[in-house]
Each structure stands twice: as C-alpha cells, then as structure tokens.
Protein backbone atom coordinates (compact mmCIF):
# COMPACT_ATOMS: atom_id res chain seq x y z
CA MET A 1 4.55 0.44 38.98
CA GLY A 2 5.32 -1.99 41.76
CA SER A 3 4.68 -5.59 40.96
CA THR A 4 3.62 -8.69 42.81
CA GLN A 5 5.80 -10.74 40.48
CA ASP A 6 9.43 -11.55 41.21
CA ASP A 7 11.08 -8.53 39.57
CA THR A 8 14.49 -10.28 39.51
CA HIS A 9 13.16 -12.15 36.47
CA THR A 10 11.99 -8.98 34.75
CA ILE A 11 13.58 -7.14 31.86
CA VAL A 12 12.39 -3.53 31.69
CA VAL A 13 12.44 -1.98 28.22
CA GLY A 14 11.78 1.66 27.32
CA ILE A 15 9.53 2.30 24.32
CA ASP A 16 9.10 5.70 22.65
CA GLY A 17 8.19 4.78 19.09
CA SER A 18 11.71 5.30 17.71
CA PRO A 19 13.57 2.70 15.62
CA SER A 20 16.02 2.28 18.51
CA SER A 21 13.25 1.48 20.97
CA SER A 22 11.80 -1.07 18.53
CA ALA A 23 15.23 -2.71 18.35
CA ALA A 24 15.44 -2.60 22.17
CA LEU A 25 12.05 -4.33 22.45
CA HIS A 26 13.14 -7.00 19.98
CA TRP A 27 16.37 -7.57 21.95
CA ALA A 28 14.49 -7.74 25.27
CA LEU A 29 12.00 -10.29 23.94
CA GLU A 30 14.77 -12.48 22.50
CA HIS A 31 16.76 -12.34 25.73
CA ALA A 32 13.66 -13.07 27.83
CA ARG A 33 12.91 -16.05 25.64
CA LEU A 34 16.39 -17.43 26.40
CA ASP A 35 16.35 -16.93 30.17
CA GLY A 36 12.66 -17.21 31.05
CA SER A 37 12.20 -13.56 32.04
CA THR A 38 9.10 -11.42 31.79
CA VAL A 39 9.34 -8.23 29.74
CA HIS A 40 8.01 -5.03 31.28
CA ALA A 41 7.51 -2.57 28.40
CA VAL A 42 7.30 1.01 29.64
CA THR A 43 6.52 4.26 27.91
CA ALA A 44 6.48 7.68 29.53
CA TRP A 45 4.32 10.63 28.63
CA ASP A 46 4.48 14.26 29.64
CA TYR A 47 2.76 17.50 28.77
CA PRO A 48 4.26 19.46 25.87
CA PRO A 49 6.70 22.21 26.93
CA LEU A 50 4.29 25.02 26.02
CA THR A 51 1.56 23.87 28.41
CA GLY A 52 0.62 26.67 30.76
CA TRP A 53 1.11 29.44 28.20
CA GLY A 54 -2.60 29.70 27.57
CA LEU A 55 -2.69 26.52 25.52
CA SER A 56 -5.12 23.81 26.42
CA VAL A 57 -3.58 20.36 26.12
CA PRO A 58 -5.81 17.64 27.55
CA GLY A 59 -3.80 15.07 29.51
CA PRO A 60 -6.09 12.07 28.99
CA GLU A 61 -5.69 12.27 25.20
CA ILE A 62 -1.89 12.41 25.47
CA GLU A 63 -1.83 9.49 27.86
CA GLU A 64 -4.16 7.44 25.65
CA ALA A 65 -2.02 8.16 22.57
CA ALA A 66 1.06 6.98 24.49
CA ARG A 67 -0.74 3.84 25.66
CA LEU A 68 -1.86 3.01 22.12
CA SER A 69 1.63 3.64 20.76
CA LEU A 70 3.09 1.23 23.32
CA ALA A 71 0.45 -1.42 22.60
CA ASN A 72 1.07 -1.10 18.86
CA ALA A 73 4.86 -1.42 19.29
CA VAL A 74 4.46 -4.57 21.38
CA GLN A 75 1.90 -6.04 18.95
CA ARG A 76 4.16 -5.34 15.93
CA GLU A 77 7.12 -7.03 17.59
CA GLU A 78 5.11 -10.01 18.80
CA SER A 79 3.61 -10.42 15.30
CA ALA A 80 7.09 -10.41 13.76
CA GLU A 81 8.27 -13.22 16.05
CA SER A 82 8.39 -16.76 14.73
CA ALA A 83 5.32 -18.85 15.46
CA ALA A 84 7.68 -21.61 16.64
CA ALA A 85 9.26 -19.34 19.28
CA PRO A 86 7.79 -19.62 22.77
CA ALA A 87 5.66 -16.68 23.84
CA VAL A 88 7.19 -14.22 26.32
CA PRO A 89 4.98 -12.63 28.98
CA VAL A 90 4.86 -8.87 28.39
CA ARG A 91 3.48 -6.34 30.88
CA GLN A 92 2.79 -2.85 29.53
CA HIS A 93 2.73 0.39 31.50
CA THR A 94 2.22 3.96 30.37
CA VAL A 95 3.46 6.35 33.04
CA TYR A 96 3.37 10.12 33.42
CA GLY A 97 6.80 11.69 33.88
CA HIS A 98 10.22 12.26 32.37
CA PRO A 99 11.27 9.13 30.47
CA ALA A 100 14.60 8.64 32.25
CA GLU A 101 13.05 8.92 35.70
CA VAL A 102 10.13 6.65 34.78
CA LEU A 103 12.52 3.99 33.47
CA LEU A 104 14.82 4.22 36.49
CA ARG A 105 11.87 3.73 38.85
CA ALA A 106 10.65 0.76 36.82
CA ALA A 107 14.16 -0.77 36.85
CA HIS A 108 14.36 -1.09 40.64
CA GLY A 109 14.72 -4.81 41.34
CA ALA A 110 14.75 -5.74 37.63
CA ARG A 111 17.30 -8.07 36.06
CA LEU A 112 18.03 -5.66 33.19
CA LEU A 113 17.01 -2.30 31.77
CA VAL A 114 17.03 -2.17 27.95
CA VAL A 115 16.90 1.13 26.09
CA GLY A 116 17.44 2.28 22.55
CA SER A 117 20.55 4.31 21.81
CA ARG A 118 18.57 7.23 20.42
CA GLY A 119 15.00 8.31 20.92
CA LEU A 120 12.82 10.77 19.09
CA GLY A 121 14.54 13.84 20.54
CA GLY A 122 16.73 16.47 19.05
CA PHE A 123 20.43 16.05 18.38
CA LYS A 124 20.99 13.60 15.55
CA GLY A 125 24.47 12.22 15.21
CA THR A 126 25.15 11.79 18.92
CA LEU A 127 26.07 8.29 20.05
CA LEU A 128 23.60 8.21 22.95
CA GLY A 129 20.42 10.15 23.51
CA SER A 130 19.87 11.97 26.79
CA VAL A 131 17.50 9.33 28.19
CA SER A 132 19.73 6.36 27.39
CA ARG A 133 22.75 8.18 28.76
CA HIS A 134 20.95 9.09 32.00
CA CYS A 135 19.82 5.48 32.40
CA VAL A 136 23.34 4.14 31.87
CA GLU A 137 24.72 6.56 34.46
CA HIS A 138 22.03 6.07 37.15
CA SER A 139 20.36 2.68 36.73
CA PRO A 140 19.94 0.41 39.75
CA CYS A 141 20.51 -2.63 37.50
CA PRO A 142 22.63 -3.49 34.43
CA VAL A 143 21.67 -1.58 31.27
CA VAL A 144 21.74 -2.78 27.67
CA VAL A 145 21.75 -0.05 25.02
CA VAL A 146 20.53 -1.25 21.63
CA ARG A 147 21.31 0.64 18.47
CA GLY A 148 18.40 0.87 16.05
CA THR A 149 18.29 1.56 12.37
CA SER A 150 18.21 5.20 11.33
C-alpha cells in the first residue's frame, strides 16, 4: 500500500459498509476539501472464521465483493456531494487482513486516520468498536473517530 504521493497530505479512512464508516468517509472528504488532502479509502477483507473446517470459501470472490463494496461507498458519497464543491482525489485499496492492522499500516506517514465509531461487528451499545479502539490506541498518526447513525 505504499504510495509515490506525499502521504503527509493523505487522510486514510476505513470503510466497512457500516453507517459509521459512511459518516467517516463523508467527514474525511469534507476535511480533505478544506485542507487540500487526498483521501485514501481502505477496506479490509478476510476469510470467514469457519474456513478450513471442510468449507470451501473462494478468496477471489470475497476480495471482489469487498472491492465493489468500497467502490460503491465512495461513489455514493461522491454523488451526494454538492456539484459546486471541488472534487477531492480519492484512492481506493482493498487489502487482505485484519481491519485494524490494515488501517494501521495504511496510516503510516498519513496526516490523519479516520474511522467510524462502530463497524458491522458484534456488541451493540458499546461506545467504540474493536477496530476503532485498536486504531485509537496504536495509530502512528492522529485518529478521528466519527459516530454514524444507527
């Protein structure tokens, strides 16, 4: 995920399809518009937990579904933006691995890491999800946590 661009003008945002990640993408695009940054939208994919128990789960299909989900999220947000607002450059990457680790790697050298407060995982009612909490605790750059609608 290394880049030839100056990453100090990059805002990394984690996308997982949740309302919080949509709000995080919106925030990242608005902030980038104000300070001239590029947005690096990242989604992580992994094999389901039951892989290896005799189940056949093809990796390319999972990766492609993640890539399409990311592209759709970015397209939805860009379509919702005002036509008068200047366009923000957005790079998209779909990466194999645990979401927190993927985001932390992507955040090296970035200006900001933006994550939603809650993803698609388990424990509703908690203030922060496990990925956002891990990012806040271990990020190499400042982190913005955006609360989405439920």
